[in-house]
N, C-alpha and C. Protein backbone atom coordinates (compact mmCIF):
# COMPACT_ATOMS: atom_id res chain seq x y z
N MET A 1 1.24 -76.83 -20.64
CA MET A 1 1.64 -77.88 -21.66
C MET A 1 2.03 -79.08 -20.86
N LYS A 2 2.78 -78.94 -19.73
CA LYS A 2 3.25 -80.12 -19.01
C LYS A 2 2.07 -80.91 -18.35
N VAL A 3 0.98 -80.05 -17.89
CA VAL A 3 -0.18 -80.74 -17.33
C VAL A 3 -0.89 -81.49 -18.27
N LYS A 4 -0.89 -81.16 -19.53
CA LYS A 4 -1.67 -81.80 -20.65
C LYS A 4 -0.87 -83.22 -20.81
N SER A 5 0.38 -83.06 -20.96
CA SER A 5 1.16 -84.37 -21.13
C SER A 5 1.09 -85.33 -20.00
N GLU A 6 1.09 -84.81 -18.83
CA GLU A 6 0.76 -85.61 -17.61
C GLU A 6 -0.60 -86.22 -17.64
N MET A 7 -1.64 -85.46 -18.08
CA MET A 7 -3.00 -86.08 -18.11
C MET A 7 -3.04 -87.18 -19.22
N LYS A 8 -2.34 -86.92 -20.28
CA LYS A 8 -2.33 -88.13 -21.35
C LYS A 8 -1.66 -89.36 -20.69
N LYS A 9 -0.53 -89.21 -20.16
CA LYS A 9 0.07 -90.39 -19.48
C LYS A 9 -0.88 -91.03 -18.44
N PHE A 10 -1.48 -90.21 -17.66
CA PHE A 10 -2.51 -90.73 -16.69
C PHE A 10 -3.64 -91.64 -17.38
N ILE A 11 -4.25 -91.10 -18.23
CA ILE A 11 -5.33 -91.66 -19.02
C ILE A 11 -4.70 -92.98 -19.77
N LYS A 12 -3.56 -92.84 -20.34
CA LYS A 12 -3.08 -93.97 -20.97
C LYS A 12 -2.94 -95.17 -19.87
N ALA A 13 -2.29 -94.71 -18.80
CA ALA A 13 -1.97 -95.83 -17.78
C ALA A 13 -3.18 -96.49 -17.24
N ASN A 14 -4.33 -95.62 -17.17
CA ASN A 14 -5.56 -96.13 -16.48
C ASN A 14 -6.82 -96.52 -17.47
N GLU A 15 -6.34 -96.66 -18.71
CA GLU A 15 -7.38 -96.79 -19.90
C GLU A 15 -8.33 -97.88 -19.57
N SER A 16 -7.86 -99.16 -19.20
CA SER A 16 -8.68 -100.19 -18.96
C SER A 16 -9.60 -99.94 -17.82
N ILE A 17 -9.31 -99.21 -16.75
CA ILE A 17 -10.15 -98.96 -15.70
C ILE A 17 -11.20 -97.92 -16.15
N ILE A 18 -10.76 -97.04 -16.86
CA ILE A 18 -11.85 -95.95 -17.29
C ILE A 18 -12.85 -96.57 -18.27
N ASP A 19 -12.37 -97.52 -19.18
CA ASP A 19 -13.31 -98.26 -20.12
C ASP A 19 -14.27 -99.09 -19.42
N LYS A 20 -13.79 -99.81 -18.39
CA LYS A 20 -14.52 -100.69 -17.51
C LYS A 20 -15.69 -99.82 -16.82
N LYS A 21 -15.40 -98.70 -16.14
CA LYS A 21 -16.32 -97.90 -15.47
C LYS A 21 -17.32 -97.44 -16.47
N ASP A 22 -16.98 -96.97 -17.64
CA ASP A 22 -17.98 -96.57 -18.76
C ASP A 22 -18.99 -97.65 -19.02
N ASP A 23 -18.46 -98.98 -19.13
CA ASP A 23 -19.32 -100.02 -19.44
C ASP A 23 -20.33 -100.30 -18.27
N GLU A 24 -19.68 -100.15 -17.02
CA GLU A 24 -20.72 -100.53 -15.93
C GLU A 24 -21.73 -99.36 -15.80
N ASP A 25 -21.43 -98.20 -16.19
CA ASP A 25 -22.31 -97.04 -16.12
C ASP A 25 -23.51 -97.28 -17.01
N LYS A 26 -23.27 -97.94 -18.07
CA LYS A 26 -24.38 -98.23 -19.16
C LYS A 26 -25.36 -98.94 -18.51
N ASP A 27 -25.27 -99.68 -17.66
CA ASP A 27 -26.29 -100.54 -16.92
C ASP A 27 -26.94 -100.16 -15.78
N ILE A 28 -26.62 -98.80 -15.33
CA ILE A 28 -27.31 -98.24 -14.25
C ILE A 28 -28.28 -97.23 -14.75
N CYS A 29 -29.43 -97.12 -14.08
CA CYS A 29 -30.60 -96.18 -14.49
C CYS A 29 -30.00 -94.74 -14.40
N CYS A 30 -30.19 -94.02 -15.46
CA CYS A 30 -29.76 -92.62 -15.42
C CYS A 30 -30.73 -91.76 -14.72
N ILE A 31 -31.87 -92.26 -14.15
CA ILE A 31 -32.76 -91.38 -13.35
C ILE A 31 -32.40 -91.51 -11.96
N CYS A 32 -32.29 -92.73 -11.38
CA CYS A 32 -32.17 -92.78 -10.09
C CYS A 32 -30.64 -93.09 -9.60
N TYR A 33 -29.95 -93.57 -10.52
CA TYR A 33 -28.47 -93.95 -10.39
C TYR A 33 -28.26 -94.95 -9.30
N GLN A 34 -29.31 -95.87 -9.12
CA GLN A 34 -29.18 -96.91 -7.99
C GLN A 34 -29.37 -98.39 -8.65
N ASN A 35 -30.44 -98.40 -9.45
CA ASN A 35 -30.74 -99.71 -9.88
C ASN A 35 -30.28 -99.92 -11.32
N LYS A 36 -30.20 -101.19 -11.73
CA LYS A 36 -29.84 -101.67 -13.06
C LYS A 36 -30.94 -101.49 -13.93
N VAL A 37 -30.65 -101.10 -15.18
CA VAL A 37 -31.72 -100.96 -16.18
C VAL A 37 -32.33 -102.26 -16.40
N SER A 38 -33.64 -102.32 -16.65
CA SER A 38 -34.40 -103.54 -16.89
C SER A 38 -35.48 -103.57 -17.83
N LYS A 39 -35.80 -102.15 -18.26
CA LYS A 39 -36.95 -101.82 -19.05
C LYS A 39 -36.49 -101.05 -20.27
N LEU A 40 -37.10 -101.26 -21.43
CA LEU A 40 -36.76 -100.55 -22.65
C LEU A 40 -37.98 -99.98 -23.10
N PHE A 41 -37.93 -98.51 -23.41
CA PHE A 41 -39.04 -97.86 -23.91
C PHE A 41 -39.12 -98.16 -25.45
N ILE A 42 -40.27 -98.30 -26.06
CA ILE A 42 -40.65 -98.51 -27.36
C ILE A 42 -41.46 -97.31 -27.80
N PRO A 43 -40.89 -96.61 -28.85
CA PRO A 43 -40.14 -96.87 -29.99
C PRO A 43 -38.69 -96.33 -29.83
N CYS A 44 -38.32 -95.54 -28.88
CA CYS A 44 -37.14 -94.85 -28.82
C CYS A 44 -35.86 -95.66 -28.40
N GLY A 45 -36.13 -96.71 -27.54
CA GLY A 45 -35.12 -97.47 -27.06
C GLY A 45 -34.30 -97.14 -25.89
N HIS A 46 -34.85 -95.97 -25.16
CA HIS A 46 -34.13 -95.58 -23.99
C HIS A 46 -34.37 -96.64 -22.87
N ARG A 47 -33.41 -96.79 -21.87
CA ARG A 47 -33.58 -97.73 -20.96
C ARG A 47 -33.61 -97.18 -19.53
N PHE A 48 -34.34 -97.70 -18.67
CA PHE A 48 -34.48 -97.31 -17.17
C PHE A 48 -34.81 -98.53 -16.28
N CYS A 49 -34.65 -98.33 -15.06
CA CYS A 49 -34.91 -99.53 -14.08
C CYS A 49 -36.43 -99.60 -14.11
N SER A 50 -36.87 -100.75 -13.46
CA SER A 50 -38.35 -100.97 -13.46
C SER A 50 -39.11 -99.97 -12.53
N SER A 51 -38.58 -99.59 -11.38
CA SER A 51 -39.01 -98.55 -10.49
C SER A 51 -39.34 -97.24 -11.22
N CYS A 52 -38.24 -96.77 -11.89
CA CYS A 52 -38.36 -95.53 -12.67
C CYS A 52 -39.32 -95.55 -13.79
N SER A 53 -39.30 -96.72 -14.48
CA SER A 53 -40.05 -96.80 -15.58
C SER A 53 -41.63 -96.83 -15.26
N GLU A 54 -41.89 -97.43 -14.03
CA GLU A 54 -43.31 -97.16 -13.69
C GLU A 54 -43.79 -95.81 -13.48
N ILE A 55 -43.03 -95.09 -12.99
CA ILE A 55 -43.31 -93.56 -12.63
C ILE A 55 -43.27 -92.97 -14.02
N LEU A 56 -42.36 -93.11 -14.86
CA LEU A 56 -42.09 -92.35 -16.16
C LEU A 56 -43.16 -92.69 -17.12
N GLU A 57 -43.81 -93.95 -17.09
CA GLU A 57 -44.72 -94.52 -17.78
C GLU A 57 -46.06 -93.48 -17.80
N GLN A 58 -46.47 -93.06 -16.60
CA GLN A 58 -47.45 -92.19 -16.28
C GLN A 58 -47.40 -90.94 -17.01
N ASN A 59 -46.23 -90.49 -17.40
CA ASN A 59 -45.97 -89.10 -18.11
C ASN A 59 -46.42 -89.49 -19.65
N LYS A 60 -46.37 -90.65 -20.19
CA LYS A 60 -46.61 -90.92 -21.54
C LYS A 60 -45.59 -90.49 -22.58
N ASN A 61 -44.43 -89.81 -22.19
CA ASN A 61 -43.40 -89.48 -22.91
C ASN A 61 -42.09 -89.81 -22.39
N CYS A 62 -41.04 -90.14 -23.09
CA CYS A 62 -39.62 -90.52 -22.75
C CYS A 62 -39.12 -89.24 -22.14
N PRO A 63 -38.49 -89.27 -20.96
CA PRO A 63 -37.87 -88.11 -20.29
C PRO A 63 -36.55 -87.52 -21.19
N TYR A 64 -36.02 -88.47 -21.92
CA TYR A 64 -34.78 -88.16 -22.80
C TYR A 64 -35.10 -87.47 -23.98
N CYS A 65 -36.04 -87.97 -24.89
CA CYS A 65 -36.26 -87.69 -26.15
C CYS A 65 -37.76 -86.99 -26.37
N ARG A 66 -38.60 -87.23 -25.38
CA ARG A 66 -39.92 -86.78 -25.47
C ARG A 66 -40.78 -87.42 -26.46
N SER A 67 -40.33 -88.54 -27.02
CA SER A 67 -41.17 -89.33 -28.01
C SER A 67 -42.15 -90.10 -27.04
N GLU A 68 -43.37 -90.25 -27.63
CA GLU A 68 -44.42 -91.10 -27.05
C GLU A 68 -44.05 -92.44 -26.74
N ILE A 69 -44.49 -92.88 -25.46
CA ILE A 69 -44.08 -94.24 -25.05
C ILE A 69 -45.24 -95.15 -25.46
N LEU A 70 -44.89 -95.94 -26.51
CA LEU A 70 -46.01 -96.92 -26.99
C LEU A 70 -46.08 -98.28 -26.11
N SER A 71 -44.81 -98.60 -25.62
CA SER A 71 -44.75 -99.94 -24.90
C SER A 71 -43.49 -99.92 -24.12
N ILE A 72 -43.56 -100.69 -23.07
CA ILE A 72 -42.32 -100.83 -22.36
C ILE A 72 -42.06 -102.36 -22.16
N ILE A 73 -40.91 -102.73 -22.60
CA ILE A 73 -40.66 -104.26 -22.35
C ILE A 73 -39.33 -104.40 -21.53
């Protein structure tokens, strides 16, 4: 029980750092974890970097949801 309360204190004290890190991760490609996302798959809306998008486009389906890629913007 003590560990749980200590963990809550730690999270509360570092809440702004944790939230900022989560926001930064949203802009990083989930395939390569190196480049910023810059392409959007239509119609599903999943986002990837331009390098990964070129490779993924050849597959014709989004790697996340498997919906057909109609366009990339």
